[in-house]
Amino acid sequence: MTKKVTYSSLLKDDPYEYEVGATVNNVHKTRVRFLREHLKYYKYKGTPLNYGLDLIQEEYPNAIVEFDYIKEYDNVVD
Protein backbone atom coordinates (compact mmCIF):
# COMPACT_ATOMS: atom_id res chain seq x y z
CA MET A 1 0.00 0.00 0.00
CA THR A 2 1.35 3.43 -0.95
CA LYS A 3 1.53 6.02 1.81
CA LYS A 4 -0.35 9.20 0.92
CA VAL A 5 1.85 12.28 1.29
CA THR A 6 0.12 15.55 2.10
CA TYR A 7 1.46 19.08 1.96
CA SER A 8 0.92 19.54 5.71
CA SER A 9 2.83 16.37 6.55
CA LEU A 10 5.77 17.60 4.48
CA LEU A 11 5.72 20.92 6.32
CA LYS A 12 5.94 19.13 9.66
CA ASP A 13 9.09 17.32 8.58
CA ASP A 14 10.87 20.20 6.85
CA PRO A 15 9.08 23.53 6.54
CA TYR A 16 11.36 25.30 4.07
CA GLU A 17 10.06 26.22 0.63
CA TYR A 18 12.00 27.62 -2.32
CA GLU A 19 11.13 29.71 -5.34
CA VAL A 20 13.47 29.84 -8.32
CA GLY A 21 12.90 32.36 -11.09
CA ALA A 22 14.40 32.23 -14.55
CA THR A 23 14.18 33.72 -18.03
CA VAL A 24 13.53 31.38 -20.95
CA ASN A 25 15.03 32.30 -24.34
CA ASN A 26 15.66 35.89 -23.15
CA VAL A 27 11.91 36.58 -23.31
CA HIS A 28 9.66 34.52 -21.06
CA LYS A 29 9.85 34.89 -17.25
CA THR A 30 8.92 31.83 -15.22
CA ARG A 31 9.26 30.45 -11.71
CA VAL A 32 8.89 27.22 -9.77
CA ARG A 33 8.13 26.66 -6.10
CA PHE A 34 8.95 23.50 -4.19
CA LEU A 35 9.59 22.22 -0.68
CA ARG A 36 13.04 21.26 0.53
CA GLU A 37 11.47 17.92 1.40
CA HIS A 38 11.15 17.24 -2.36
CA LEU A 39 14.95 17.19 -2.61
CA LYS A 40 15.03 14.40 -0.02
CA TYR A 41 12.03 12.56 -1.44
CA TYR A 42 13.55 12.38 -4.95
CA LYS A 43 17.08 11.80 -3.55
CA TYR A 44 18.35 14.88 -5.36
CA LYS A 45 22.02 15.46 -4.52
CA GLY A 46 22.33 19.04 -5.81
CA THR A 47 21.33 22.39 -4.36
CA PRO A 48 17.82 23.87 -4.30
CA LEU A 49 18.96 26.33 -6.98
CA ASN A 50 20.01 23.56 -9.35
CA TYR A 51 16.86 21.56 -8.61
CA GLY A 52 14.69 24.55 -9.53
CA LEU A 53 16.62 25.20 -12.73
CA ASP A 54 16.41 21.51 -13.64
CA LEU A 55 12.62 21.62 -13.22
CA ILE A 56 12.39 24.64 -15.50
CA GLN A 57 14.72 23.06 -18.07
CA GLU A 58 12.51 19.96 -18.11
CA GLU A 59 9.53 22.15 -19.05
CA TYR A 60 11.53 23.87 -21.81
CA PRO A 61 14.00 21.20 -22.97
CA ASN A 62 15.18 23.01 -26.11
CA ALA A 63 15.39 26.50 -24.62
CA ILE A 64 18.07 28.61 -23.01
CA VAL A 65 17.24 29.00 -19.31
CA GLU A 66 18.91 31.84 -17.42
CA PHE A 67 18.79 32.13 -13.64
CA ASP A 68 17.10 35.26 -12.24
CA TYR A 69 16.58 34.71 -8.50
CA ILE A 70 16.09 32.28 -5.65
CA LYS A 71 13.96 32.86 -2.54
CA GLU A 72 13.74 30.76 0.59
CA TYR A 73 10.62 30.78 2.73
CA ASP A 74 10.32 29.50 6.28
CA ASN A 75 6.79 28.14 6.48
CA VAL A 76 6.76 27.65 10.24
CA VAL A 77 3.53 29.09 11.57
CA ASP A 78 3.57 30.16 15.20
C-alpha atoms as a PDB file:
ATOM      1  CA  MET A   1       0.000   0.000   0.000  1.00  0.00           C
ATOM      2  CA  THR A   2       1.351   3.426  -0.950  1.00  0.00           C
ATOM      3  CA  LYS A   3       1.528   6.017   1.806  1.00  0.00           C
ATOM      4  CA  LYS A   4      -0.352   9.196   0.923  1.00  0.00           C
ATOM      5  CA  VAL A   5       1.849  12.281   1.294  1.00  0.00           C
ATOM      6  CA  THR A   6       0.118  15.550   2.099  1.00  0.00           C
ATOM      7  CA  TYR A   7       1.463  19.081   1.962  1.00  0.00           C
ATOM      8  CA  SER A   8       0.918  19.538   5.709  1.00  0.00           C
ATOM      9  CA  SER A   9       2.834  16.370   6.551  1.00  0.00           C
ATOM     10  CA  LEU A  10       5.768  17.599   4.480  1.00  0.00           C
ATOM     11  CA  LEU A  11       5.721  20.917   6.322  1.00  0.00           C
ATOM     12  CA  LYS A  12       5.940  19.134   9.662  1.00  0.00           C
ATOM     13  CA  ASP A  13       9.090  17.317   8.580  1.00  0.00           C
ATOM     14  CA  ASP A  14      10.873  20.195   6.853  1.00  0.00           C
ATOM     15  CA  PRO A  15       9.080  23.531   6.538  1.00  0.00           C
ATOM     16  CA  TYR A  16      11.357  25.297   4.070  1.00  0.00           C
ATOM     17  CA  GLU A  17      10.059  26.218   0.631  1.00  0.00           C
ATOM     18  CA  TYR A  18      12.002  27.622  -2.319  1.00  0.00           C
ATOM     19  CA  GLU A  19      11.127  29.712  -5.339  1.00  0.00           C
ATOM     20  CA  VAL A  20      13.472  29.838  -8.316  1.00  0.00           C
ATOM     21  CA  GLY A  21      12.899  32.357 -11.086  1.00  0.00           C
ATOM     22  CA  ALA A  22      14.396  32.231 -14.552  1.00  0.00           C
ATOM     23  CA  THR A  23      14.179  33.717 -18.026  1.00  0.00           C
ATOM     24  CA  VAL A  24      13.534  31.375 -20.946  1.00  0.00           C
ATOM     25  CA  ASN A  25      15.029  32.302 -24.339  1.00  0.00           C
ATOM     26  CA  ASN A  26      15.657  35.889 -23.153  1.00  0.00           C
ATOM     27  CA  VAL A  27      11.907  36.576 -23.314  1.00  0.00           C
ATOM     28  CA  HIS A  28       9.656  34.515 -21.057  1.00  0.00           C
ATOM     29  CA  LYS A  29       9.850  34.885 -17.251  1.00  0.00           C
ATOM     30  CA  THR A  30       8.919  31.827 -15.224  1.00  0.00           C
ATOM     31  CA  ARG A  31       9.261  30.450 -11.714  1.00  0.00           C
ATOM     32  CA  VAL A  32       8.889  27.216  -9.775  1.00  0.00           C
ATOM     33  CA  ARG A  33       8.131  26.664  -6.105  1.00  0.00           C
ATOM     34  CA  PHE A  34       8.946  23.503  -4.192  1.00  0.00           C
ATOM     35  CA  LEU A  35       9.591  22.220  -0.685  1.00  0.00           C
ATOM     36  CA  ARG A  36      13.044  21.258   0.526  1.00  0.00           C
ATOM     37  CA  GLU A  37      11.468  17.917   1.399  1.00  0.00           C
ATOM     38  CA  HIS A  38      11.153  17.241  -2.357  1.00  0.00           C
ATOM     39  CA  LEU A  39      14.950  17.186  -2.607  1.00  0.00           C
ATOM     40  CA  LYS A  40      15.034  14.403  -0.017  1.00  0.00           C
ATOM     41  CA  TYR A  41      12.031  12.560  -1.441  1.00  0.00           C
ATOM     42  CA  TYR A  42      13.548  12.380  -4.946  1.00  0.00           C
ATOM     43  CA  LYS A  43      17.080  11.799  -3.545  1.00  0.00           C
ATOM     44  CA  TYR A  44      18.354  14.879  -5.357  1.00  0.00           C
ATOM     45  CA  LYS A  45      22.022  15.459  -4.516  1.00  0.00           C
ATOM     46  CA  GLY A  46      22.327  19.035  -5.815  1.00  0.00           C
ATOM     47  CA  THR A  47      21.331  22.391  -4.357  1.00  0.00           C
ATOM     48  CA  PRO A  48      17.818  23.873  -4.300  1.00  0.00           C
ATOM     49  CA  LEU A  49      18.964  26.332  -6.977  1.00  0.00           C
ATOM     50  CA  ASN A  50      20.012  23.556  -9.350  1.00  0.00           C
ATOM     51  CA  TYR A  51      16.856  21.562  -8.606  1.00  0.00           C
ATOM     52  CA  GLY A  52      14.693  24.548  -9.531  1.00  0.00           C
ATOM     53  CA  LEU A  53      16.622  25.205 -12.733  1.00  0.00           C
ATOM     54  CA  ASP A  54      16.415  21.513 -13.635  1.00  0.00           C
ATOM     55  CA  LEU A  55      12.620  21.616 -13.217  1.00  0.00           C
ATOM     56  CA  ILE A  56      12.394  24.642 -15.502  1.00  0.00           C
ATOM     57  CA  GLN A  57      14.721  23.061 -18.072  1.00  0.00           C
ATOM     58  CA  GLU A  58      12.509  19.956 -18.106  1.00  0.00           C
ATOM     59  CA  GLU A  59       9.534  22.147 -19.046  1.00  0.00           C
ATOM     60  CA  TYR A  60      11.527  23.870 -21.811  1.00  0.00           C
ATOM     61  CA  PRO A  61      14.004  21.196 -22.974  1.00  0.00           C
ATOM     62  CA  ASN A  62      15.183  23.005 -26.114  1.00  0.00           C
ATOM     63  CA  ALA A  63      15.389  26.496 -24.615  1.00  0.00           C
ATOM     64  CA  ILE A  64      18.070  28.609 -23.006  1.00  0.00           C
ATOM     65  CA  VAL A  65      17.237  28.996 -19.309  1.00  0.00           C
ATOM     66  CA  GLU A  66      18.912  31.839 -17.419  1.00  0.00           C
ATOM     67  CA  PHE A  67      18.793  32.131 -13.645  1.00  0.00           C
ATOM     68  CA  ASP A  68      17.101  35.259 -12.237  1.00  0.00           C
ATOM     69  CA  TYR A  69      16.584  34.710  -8.502  1.00  0.00           C
ATOM     70  CA  ILE A  70      16.086  32.281  -5.649  1.00  0.00           C
ATOM     71  CA  LYS A  71      13.962  32.862  -2.541  1.00  0.00           C
ATOM     72  CA  GLU A  72      13.745  30.760   0.586  1.00  0.00           C
ATOM     73  CA  TYR A  73      10.621  30.776   2.733  1.00  0.00           C
ATOM     74  CA  ASP A  74      10.322  29.501   6.279  1.00  0.00           C
ATOM     75  CA  ASN A  75       6.786  28.139   6.481  1.00  0.00           C
ATOM     76  CA  VAL A  76       6.764  27.654  10.237  1.00  0.00           C
ATOM     77  CA  VAL A  77       3.534  29.089  11.566  1.00  0.00           C
ATOM     78  CA  ASP A  78       3.574  30.164  15.203  1.00  0.00           C
END
